[in-house]
PDB file of all heavy atoms in Angstrom:
ATOM      1  N   HIS A   1       0.807  -1.228   0.000  1.00  0.00           N
ATOM      2  CA  HIS A   1       0.000   0.000   0.000  1.00  0.00           C
ATOM      3  C   HIS A   1       0.842   1.280   0.000  1.00  0.00           C
ATOM      4  O   HIS A   1       0.306   2.371   0.150  1.00  0.00           O
ATOM      5  CB  HIS A   1      -1.010   0.030   1.148  1.00  0.00           C
ATOM      6  CG  HIS A   1      -1.904  -1.162   1.196  1.00  0.00           C
ATOM      7  ND1 HIS A   1      -2.808  -1.459   0.199  1.00  0.00           N
ATOM      8  CD2 HIS A   1      -2.016  -2.149   2.110  1.00  0.00           C
ATOM      9  CE1 HIS A   1      -3.448  -2.572   0.496  1.00  0.00           C
ATOM     10  NE2 HIS A   1      -2.978  -3.015   1.654  1.00  0.00           N
ATOM     11  N   PHE A   2       2.150   1.170  -0.127  1.00  0.00           N
ATOM     12  CA  PHE A   2       3.024   2.331  -0.227  1.00  0.00           C
ATOM     13  C   PHE A   2       3.703   2.314  -1.590  1.00  0.00           C
ATOM     14  O   PHE A   2       3.868   1.262  -2.197  1.00  0.00           O
ATOM     15  CB  PHE A   2       4.097   2.316   0.877  1.00  0.00           C
ATOM     16  CG  PHE A   2       3.592   2.768   2.213  1.00  0.00           C
ATOM     17  CD1 PHE A   2       2.979   1.874   3.078  1.00  0.00           C
ATOM     18  CD2 PHE A   2       3.728   4.092   2.607  1.00  0.00           C
ATOM     19  CE1 PHE A   2       2.511   2.278   4.313  1.00  0.00           C
ATOM     20  CE2 PHE A   2       3.264   4.506   3.845  1.00  0.00           C
ATOM     21  CZ  PHE A   2       2.652   3.600   4.697  1.00  0.00           C
ATOM     22  N   ASN A   3       4.091   3.487  -2.072  1.00  0.00           N
ATOM     23  CA  ASN A   3       4.822   3.611  -3.336  1.00  0.00           C
ATOM     24  C   ASN A   3       6.329   3.672  -3.130  1.00  0.00           C
ATOM     25  O   ASN A   3       7.079   3.562  -4.089  1.00  0.00           O
ATOM     26  CB  ASN A   3       4.392   4.874  -4.089  1.00  0.00           C
ATOM     27  CG  ASN A   3       2.954   4.815  -4.521  1.00  0.00           C
ATOM     28  OD1 ASN A   3       2.459   3.776  -4.918  1.00  0.00           O
ATOM     29  ND2 ASN A   3       2.269   5.941  -4.430  1.00  0.00           N
ATOM     30  N   ASN A   4       6.739   3.939  -1.886  1.00  0.00           N
ATOM     31  CA  ASN A   4       8.142   4.221  -1.629  1.00  0.00           C
ATOM     32  C   ASN A   4       8.641   3.506  -0.386  1.00  0.00           C
ATOM     33  O   ASN A   4       7.851   2.998   0.399  1.00  0.00           O
ATOM     34  CB  ASN A   4       8.337   5.733  -1.480  1.00  0.00           C
ATOM     35  CG  ASN A   4       8.033   6.447  -2.778  1.00  0.00           C
ATOM     36  OD1 ASN A   4       8.723   6.215  -3.765  1.00  0.00           O
ATOM     37  ND2 ASN A   4       7.019   7.291  -2.807  1.00  0.00           N
ATOM     38  N   ASN A   5       9.944   3.485  -0.239  1.00  0.00           N
ATOM     39  CA  ASN A   5      10.568   2.841   0.915  1.00  0.00           C
ATOM     40  C   ASN A   5      11.084   3.905   1.891  1.00  0.00           C
ATOM     41  O   ASN A   5      10.954   5.111   1.651  1.00  0.00           O
ATOM     42  CB  ASN A   5      11.684   1.899   0.458  1.00  0.00           C
ATOM     43  CG  ASN A   5      12.755   2.583  -0.369  1.00  0.00           C
ATOM     44  OD1 ASN A   5      13.047   3.759  -0.191  1.00  0.00           O
ATOM     45  ND2 ASN A   5      13.351   1.841  -1.281  1.00  0.00           N
ATOM     46  N   LEU A   6      11.675   3.451   2.977  1.00  0.00           N
ATOM     47  CA  LEU A   6      12.193   4.362   3.992  1.00  0.00           C
ATOM     48  C   LEU A   6      13.341   5.220   3.469  1.00  0.00           C
ATOM     49  O   LEU A   6      13.454   6.399   3.813  1.00  0.00           O
ATOM     50  CB  LEU A   6      12.623   3.569   5.226  1.00  0.00           C
ATOM     51  CG  LEU A   6      11.463   2.902   5.969  1.00  0.00           C
ATOM     52  CD1 LEU A   6      11.977   1.794   6.873  1.00  0.00           C
ATOM     53  CD2 LEU A   6      10.652   3.910   6.744  1.00  0.00           C
ATOM     54  N   HIS A   7      14.167   4.647   2.622  1.00  0.00           N
ATOM     55  CA  HIS A   7      15.282   5.393   2.016  1.00  0.00           C
ATOM     56  C   HIS A   7      14.726   6.582   1.223  1.00  0.00           C
ATOM     57  O   HIS A   7      15.214   7.715   1.339  1.00  0.00           O
ATOM     58  CB  HIS A   7      16.080   4.448   1.119  1.00  0.00           C
ATOM     59  CG  HIS A   7      17.411   4.970   0.701  1.00  0.00           C
ATOM     60  ND1 HIS A   7      18.498   4.157   0.547  1.00  0.00           N
ATOM     61  CD2 HIS A   7      17.854   6.206   0.384  1.00  0.00           C
ATOM     62  CE1 HIS A   7      19.539   4.868   0.150  1.00  0.00           C
ATOM     63  NE2 HIS A   7      19.161   6.120   0.043  1.00  0.00           N
ATOM     64  N   TRP A   8      13.692   6.317   0.437  1.00  0.00           N
ATOM     65  CA  TRP A   8      13.070   7.400  -0.339  1.00  0.00           C
ATOM     66  C   TRP A   8      12.474   8.451   0.592  1.00  0.00           C
ATOM     67  O   TRP A   8      12.606   9.650   0.351  1.00  0.00           O
ATOM     68  CB  TRP A   8      11.988   6.847  -1.272  1.00  0.00           C
ATOM     69  CG  TRP A   8      11.373   7.920  -2.116  1.00  0.00           C
ATOM     70  CD1 TRP A   8      11.793   8.334  -3.338  1.00  0.00           C
ATOM     71  CD2 TRP A   8      10.233   8.732  -1.791  1.00  0.00           C
ATOM     72  NE1 TRP A   8      10.988   9.360  -3.797  1.00  0.00           N
ATOM     73  CE2 TRP A   8      10.025   9.613  -2.859  1.00  0.00           C
ATOM     74  CE3 TRP A   8       9.373   8.796  -0.702  1.00  0.00           C
ATOM     75  CZ2 TRP A   8       8.985  10.550  -2.868  1.00  0.00           C
ATOM     76  CZ3 TRP A   8       8.344   9.730  -0.699  1.00  0.00           C
ATOM     77  CH2 TRP A   8       8.162  10.594  -1.783  1.00  0.00           C
ATOM     78  N   GLN A   9      11.817   8.017   1.641  1.00  0.00           N
ATOM     79  CA  GLN A   9      11.162   8.955   2.557  1.00  0.00           C
ATOM     80  C   GLN A   9      12.152   9.976   3.118  1.00  0.00           C
ATOM     81  O   GLN A   9      11.871  11.181   3.124  1.00  0.00           O
ATOM     82  CB  GLN A   9      10.494   8.198   3.714  1.00  0.00           C
ATOM     83  CG  GLN A   9       9.301   7.359   3.320  1.00  0.00           C
ATOM     84  CD  GLN A   9       8.055   8.171   3.034  1.00  0.00           C
ATOM     85  OE1 GLN A   9       7.861   9.271   3.550  1.00  0.00           O
ATOM     86  NE2 GLN A   9       7.185   7.625   2.200  1.00  0.00           N
ATOM     87  N   ILE A  10      13.310   9.503   3.594  1.00  0.00           N
ATOM     88  CA  ILE A  10      14.249  10.455   4.198  1.00  0.00           C
ATOM     89  C   ILE A  10      14.886  11.355   3.138  1.00  0.00           C
ATOM     90  O   ILE A  10      15.094  12.542   3.369  1.00  0.00           O
ATOM     91  CB  ILE A  10      15.304   9.775   5.089  1.00  0.00           C
ATOM     92  CG1 ILE A  10      16.281   8.921   4.302  1.00  0.00           C
ATOM     93  CG2 ILE A  10      14.646   8.992   6.212  1.00  0.00           C
ATOM     94  CD1 ILE A  10      17.512   8.481   5.102  1.00  0.00           C
ATOM     95  N   GLY A  11      15.167  10.799   1.963  1.00  0.00           N
ATOM     96  CA  GLY A  11      15.712  11.620   0.885  1.00  0.00           C
ATOM     97  C   GLY A  11      14.712  12.652   0.409  1.00  0.00           C
ATOM     98  O   GLY A  11      15.071  13.794   0.105  1.00  0.00           O
ATOM     99  N   HIS A  12      13.447  12.270   0.381  1.00  0.00           N
ATOM    100  CA  HIS A  12      12.386  13.178  -0.058  1.00  0.00           C
ATOM    101  C   HIS A  12      12.247  14.362   0.900  1.00  0.00           C
ATOM    102  O   HIS A  12      12.140  15.514   0.464  1.00  0.00           O
ATOM    103  CB  HIS A  12      11.065  12.407  -0.166  1.00  0.00           C
ATOM    104  CG  HIS A  12       9.909  13.254  -0.557  1.00  0.00           C
ATOM    105  ND1 HIS A  12       9.757  13.762  -1.827  1.00  0.00           N
ATOM    106  CD2 HIS A  12       8.843  13.682   0.170  1.00  0.00           C
ATOM    107  CE1 HIS A  12       8.631  14.476  -1.871  1.00  0.00           C
ATOM    108  NE2 HIS A  12       8.067  14.438  -0.668  1.00  0.00           N
ATOM    109  N   VAL A  13      12.240  14.092   2.197  1.00  0.00           N
ATOM    110  CA  VAL A  13      12.152  15.186   3.170  1.00  0.00           C
ATOM    111  C   VAL A  13      13.335  16.137   2.990  1.00  0.00           C
ATOM    112  O   VAL A  13      13.153  17.362   2.958  1.00  0.00           O
ATOM    113  CB  VAL A  13      12.092  14.634   4.613  1.00  0.00           C
ATOM    114  CG1 VAL A  13      12.309  15.752   5.636  1.00  0.00           C
ATOM    115  CG2 VAL A  13      10.766  13.928   4.866  1.00  0.00           C
ATOM    116  N   LEU A  14      14.508  15.603   2.849  1.00  0.00           N
ATOM    117  CA  LEU A  14      15.706  16.420   2.663  1.00  0.00           C
ATOM    118  C   LEU A  14      15.594  17.293   1.420  1.00  0.00           C
ATOM    119  O   LEU A  14      15.782  18.514   1.466  1.00  0.00           O
ATOM    120  CB  LEU A  14      16.940  15.517   2.572  1.00  0.00           C
ATOM    121  CG  LEU A  14      18.276  16.214   2.325  1.00  0.00           C
ATOM    122  CD1 LEU A  14      18.704  17.015   3.546  1.00  0.00           C
ATOM    123  CD2 LEU A  14      19.339  15.191   1.950  1.00  0.00           C
ATOM    124  N   VAL A  15      15.269  16.669   0.296  1.00  0.00           N
ATOM    125  CA  VAL A  15      15.227  17.386  -0.987  1.00  0.00           C
ATOM    126  C   VAL A  15      14.101  18.415  -1.024  1.00  0.00           C
ATOM    127  O   VAL A  15      14.302  19.548  -1.459  1.00  0.00           O
ATOM    128  CB  VAL A  15      15.104  16.380  -2.158  1.00  0.00           C
ATOM    129  CG1 VAL A  15      14.710  17.072  -3.454  1.00  0.00           C
ATOM    130  CG2 VAL A  15      16.418  15.634  -2.329  1.00  0.00           C
ATOM    131  N   MET A  16      12.919  18.042  -0.574  1.00  0.00           N
ATOM    132  CA  MET A  16      11.798  18.975  -0.639  1.00  0.00           C
ATOM    133  C   MET A  16      11.995  20.159   0.303  1.00  0.00           C
ATOM    134  O   MET A  16      11.661  21.293  -0.061  1.00  0.00           O
ATOM    135  CB  MET A  16      10.481  18.250  -0.347  1.00  0.00           C
ATOM    136  CG  MET A  16      10.091  17.253  -1.427  1.00  0.00           C
ATOM    137  SD  MET A  16      10.125  17.921  -3.121  1.00  0.00           S
ATOM    138  CE  MET A  16       8.899  19.209  -3.005  1.00  0.00           C
ATOM    139  N   THR A  17      12.543  19.927   1.471  1.00  0.00           N
ATOM    140  CA  THR A  17      12.839  21.042   2.374  1.00  0.00           C
ATOM    141  C   THR A  17      13.827  21.994   1.707  1.00  0.00           C
ATOM    142  O   THR A  17      13.645  23.210   1.717  1.00  0.00           O
ATOM    143  CB  THR A  17      13.389  20.528   3.721  1.00  0.00           C
ATOM    144  OG1 THR A  17      12.408  19.690   4.326  1.00  0.00           O
ATOM    145  CG2 THR A  17      13.741  21.680   4.645  1.00  0.00           C
ATOM    146  N   GLU A  18      14.842  21.427   1.105  1.00  0.00           N
ATOM    147  CA  GLU A  18      15.859  22.242   0.432  1.00  0.00           C
ATOM    148  C   GLU A  18      15.251  23.034  -0.725  1.00  0.00           C
ATOM    149  O   GLU A  18      15.501  24.235  -0.872  1.00  0.00           O
ATOM    150  CB  GLU A  18      16.970  21.316  -0.084  1.00  0.00           C
ATOM    151  CG  GLU A  18      18.215  22.015  -0.491  1.00  0.00           C
ATOM    152  CD  GLU A  18      19.127  22.369   0.665  1.00  0.00           C
ATOM    153  OE1 GLU A  18      18.894  21.939   1.807  1.00  0.00           O
ATOM    154  OE2 GLU A  18      20.106  23.091   0.412  1.00  0.00           O
ATOM    155  N   GLN A  19      14.446  22.357  -1.550  1.00  0.00           N
ATOM    156  CA  GLN A  19      13.852  23.029  -2.708  1.00  0.00           C
ATOM    157  C   GLN A  19      12.877  24.124  -2.297  1.00  0.00           C
ATOM    158  O   GLN A  19      12.848  25.186  -2.906  1.00  0.00           O
ATOM    159  CB  GLN A  19      13.168  22.012  -3.621  1.00  0.00           C
ATOM    160  CG  GLN A  19      14.149  21.145  -4.373  1.00  0.00           C
ATOM    161  CD  GLN A  19      13.480  20.126  -5.287  1.00  0.00           C
ATOM    162  OE1 GLN A  19      12.278  19.926  -5.260  1.00  0.00           O
ATOM    163  NE2 GLN A  19      14.290  19.464  -6.087  1.00  0.00           N
ATOM    164  N   LEU A  20      12.107  23.853  -1.263  1.00  0.00           N
ATOM    165  CA  LEU A  20      11.163  24.872  -0.808  1.00  0.00           C
ATOM    166  C   LEU A  20      11.889  26.065  -0.201  1.00  0.00           C
ATOM    167  O   LEU A  20      11.702  27.202  -0.637  1.00  0.00           O
ATOM    168  CB  LEU A  20      10.198  24.287   0.229  1.00  0.00           C
ATOM    169  CG  LEU A  20       9.144  23.330  -0.281  1.00  0.00           C
ATOM    170  CD1 LEU A  20       8.386  22.703   0.885  1.00  0.00           C
ATOM    171  CD2 LEU A  20       8.175  24.047  -1.212  1.00  0.00           C
ATOM    172  N   VAL A  21      12.699  25.806   0.795  1.00  0.00           N
ATOM    173  CA  VAL A  21      13.287  26.893   1.565  1.00  0.00           C
ATOM    174  C   VAL A  21      14.293  27.706   0.747  1.00  0.00           C
ATOM    175  O   VAL A  21      14.238  28.925   0.735  1.00  0.00           O
ATOM    176  CB  VAL A  21      13.923  26.354   2.866  1.00  0.00           C
ATOM    177  CG1 VAL A  21      14.668  27.446   3.608  1.00  0.00           C
ATOM    178  CG2 VAL A  21      12.854  25.731   3.761  1.00  0.00           C
ATOM    179  N   PHE A  22      15.176  27.029   0.047  1.00  0.00           N
ATOM    180  CA  PHE A  22      16.195  27.772  -0.701  1.00  0.00           C
ATOM    181  C   PHE A  22      15.754  28.081  -2.125  1.00  0.00           C
ATOM    182  O   PHE A  22      16.123  29.107  -2.682  1.00  0.00           O
ATOM    183  CB  PHE A  22      17.522  27.011  -0.683  1.00  0.00           C
ATOM    184  CG  PHE A  22      18.128  26.946   0.693  1.00  0.00           C
ATOM    185  CD1 PHE A  22      18.015  25.794   1.456  1.00  0.00           C
ATOM    186  CD2 PHE A  22      18.771  28.037   1.234  1.00  0.00           C
ATOM    187  CE1 PHE A  22      18.549  25.732   2.737  1.00  0.00           C
ATOM    188  CE2 PHE A  22      19.310  27.998   2.517  1.00  0.00           C
ATOM    189  CZ  PHE A  22      19.193  26.839   3.274  1.00  0.00           C
ATOM    190  N   GLY A  23      14.957  27.201  -2.702  1.00  0.00           N
ATOM    191  CA  GLY A  23      14.506  27.413  -4.072  1.00  0.00           C
ATOM    192  C   GLY A  23      13.574  28.600  -4.244  1.00  0.00           C
ATOM    193  O   GLY A  23      13.609  29.282  -5.261  1.00  0.00           O
ATOM    194  N   LEU A  24      12.755  28.878  -3.236  1.00  0.00           N
ATOM    195  CA  LEU A  24      11.801  29.978  -3.354  1.00  0.00           C
ATOM    196  C   LEU A  24      12.413  31.352  -3.135  1.00  0.00           C
ATOM    197  O   LEU A  24      11.739  32.361  -3.242  1.00  0.00           O
ATOM    198  CB  LEU A  24      10.612  29.763  -2.412  1.00  0.00           C
ATOM    199  CG  LEU A  24       9.680  28.624  -2.831  1.00  0.00           C
ATOM    200  CD1 LEU A  24       8.530  28.483  -1.853  1.00  0.00           C
ATOM    201  CD2 LEU A  24       9.150  28.813  -4.243  1.00  0.00           C
ATOM    202  N   ILE A  25      13.707  31.384  -2.836  1.00  0.00           N
ATOM    203  CA  ILE A  25      14.411  32.677  -2.800  1.00  0.00           C
ATOM    204  C   ILE A  25      15.521  32.686  -3.848  1.00  0.00           C
ATOM    205  O   ILE A  25      16.407  33.519  -3.813  1.00  0.00           O
ATOM    206  CB  ILE A  25      14.977  32.994  -1.404  1.00  0.00           C
ATOM    207  CG1 ILE A  25      15.990  31.945  -0.961  1.00  0.00           C
ATOM    208  CG2 ILE A  25      13.867  33.180  -0.384  1.00  0.00           C
ATOM    209  CD1 ILE A  25      16.894  32.412   0.161  1.00  0.00           C
ATOM    210  N   ASN A  26      15.440  31.715  -4.761  1.00  0.00           N
ATOM    211  CA  ASN A  26      16.412  31.619  -5.857  1.00  0.00           C
ATOM    212  C   ASN A  26      17.845  31.494  -5.362  1.00  0.00           C
ATOM    213  O   ASN A  26      18.764  32.034  -5.954  1.00  0.00           O
ATOM    214  CB  ASN A  26      16.290  32.809  -6.811  1.00  0.00           C
ATOM    215  CG  ASN A  26      14.976  32.807  -7.530  1.00  0.00           C
ATOM    216  OD1 ASN A  26      14.476  31.763  -7.933  1.00  0.00           O
ATOM    217  ND2 ASN A  26      14.381  33.984  -7.682  1.00  0.00           N
ATOM    218  N   GLN A  27      18.033  30.759  -4.278  1.00  0.00           N
ATOM    219  CA  GLN A  27      19.378  30.491  -3.782  1.00  0.00           C
ATOM    220  C   GLN A  27      19.715  29.050  -4.096  1.00  0.00           C
ATOM    221  O   GLN A  27      18.872  28.161  -3.976  1.00  0.00           O
ATOM    222  CB  GLN A  27      19.459  30.726  -2.270  1.00  0.00           C
ATOM    223  CG  GLN A  27      20.862  30.586  -1.751  1.00  0.00           C
ATOM    224  CD  GLN A  27      20.961  30.965  -0.276  1.00  0.00           C
ATOM    225  OE1 GLN A  27      19.997  31.344   0.352  1.00  0.00           O
ATOM    226  NE2 GLN A  27      22.162  30.839   0.254  1.00  0.00           N
TER     227      GLN A  27
END
């Protein structure tokens, strides 16, 4: 019932936080 594993989950949190916080100020 899941599409992803635990490895993906932690990488996703890392990447999305980075893209949101730094990406939205063009840094």
